[in-house]
C-alpha atoms as a PDB file:
ATOM      1  CA  UNK A   1     -47.551  42.313  57.579  1.00  0.00           C
ATOM      2  CA  UNK A   2     -51.216  41.450  57.103  1.00  0.00           C
ATOM      3  CA  UNK A   3     -52.244  43.399  60.212  1.00  0.00           C
ATOM      4  CA  UNK A   4     -50.283  46.417  59.003  1.00  0.00           C
ATOM      5  CA  UNK A   5     -52.008  46.355  55.626  1.00  0.00           C
ATOM      6  CA  UNK A   6     -55.440  45.935  57.213  1.00  0.00           C
ATOM      7  CA  UNK A   7     -54.789  48.850  59.546  1.00  0.00           C
ATOM      8  CA  UNK A   8     -53.585  51.158  56.791  1.00  0.00           C
ATOM      9  CA  UNK A   9     -56.554  50.217  54.592  1.00  0.00           C
ATOM     10  CA  UNK A  10     -59.047  50.988  57.363  1.00  0.00           C
ATOM     11  CA  UNK A  11     -57.417  54.311  58.213  1.00  0.00           C
ATOM     12  CA  UNK A  12     -57.327  55.350  54.551  1.00  0.00           C
ATOM     13  CA  UNK A  13     -60.969  54.337  54.112  1.00  0.00           C
ATOM     14  CA  UNK A  14     -61.908  56.427  57.146  1.00  0.00           C
ATOM     15  CA  UNK A  15     -59.990  59.363  55.735  1.00  0.00           C
ATOM     16  CA  UNK A  16     -61.754  59.055  52.381  1.00  0.00           C
ATOM     17  CA  UNK A  17     -65.218  58.642  53.898  1.00  0.00           C
ATOM     18  CA  UNK A  18     -64.999  61.371  56.550  1.00  0.00           C
ATOM     19  CA  UNK A  19     -62.511  63.712  54.905  1.00  0.00           C
ATOM     20  CA  UNK A  20     -60.287  63.899  57.965  1.00  0.00           C
ATOM     21  CA  UNK A  21     -58.606  61.631  60.462  1.00  0.00           C
ATOM     22  CA  UNK A  22     -59.627  61.259  64.066  1.00  0.00           C
ATOM     23  CA  UNK A  23     -63.240  60.136  63.864  1.00  0.00           C
ATOM     24  CA  UNK A  24     -64.152  57.641  66.578  1.00  0.00           C
ATOM     25  CA  UNK A  25     -65.994  55.464  64.055  1.00  0.00           C
ATOM     26  CA  UNK A  26     -62.746  55.031  62.120  1.00  0.00           C
ATOM     27  CA  UNK A  27     -60.936  53.900  65.266  1.00  0.00           C
ATOM     28  CA  UNK A  28     -63.769  51.522  66.147  1.00  0.00           C
ATOM     29  CA  UNK A  29     -63.554  50.024  62.659  1.00  0.00           C
ATOM     30  CA  UNK A  30     -59.779  49.749  63.089  1.00  0.00           C
ATOM     31  CA  UNK A  31     -60.171  47.789  66.326  1.00  0.00           C
ATOM     32  CA  UNK A  32     -62.790  45.512  64.760  1.00  0.00           C
ATOM     33  CA  UNK A  33     -60.729  44.918  61.602  1.00  0.00           C
ATOM     34  CA  UNK A  34     -57.485  44.282  63.508  1.00  0.00           C
ATOM     35  CA  UNK A  35     -59.210  41.911  65.914  1.00  0.00           C
ATOM     36  CA  UNK A  36     -60.872  39.994  63.114  1.00  0.00           C
ATOM     37  CA  UNK A  37     -57.672  39.762  61.073  1.00  0.00           C
ATOM     38  CA  UNK A  38     -55.687  38.624  64.125  1.00  0.00           C
ATOM     39  CA  UNK A  39     -58.305  36.003  64.963  1.00  0.00           C
ATOM     40  CA  UNK A  40     -58.299  34.778  61.362  1.00  0.00           C
ATOM     41  CA  UNK A  41     -54.496  34.587  61.223  1.00  0.00           C
ATOM     42  CA  UNK A  42     -54.356  32.705  64.524  1.00  0.00           C
ATOM     43  CA  UNK A  43     -56.806  30.105  63.236  1.00  0.00           C
ATOM     44  CA  UNK A  44     -54.871  29.439  60.035  1.00  0.00           C
END
């Protein structure tokens, strides 16, 4: 559930910042955020 919420938050932030979906920077941020959240959840 946490990874889903992180992913949706990043995609919405990318949409708000860039005004449209599909920017590579948004997808790079999504990969970074999902990886960090997964690493954090694994360590808990």
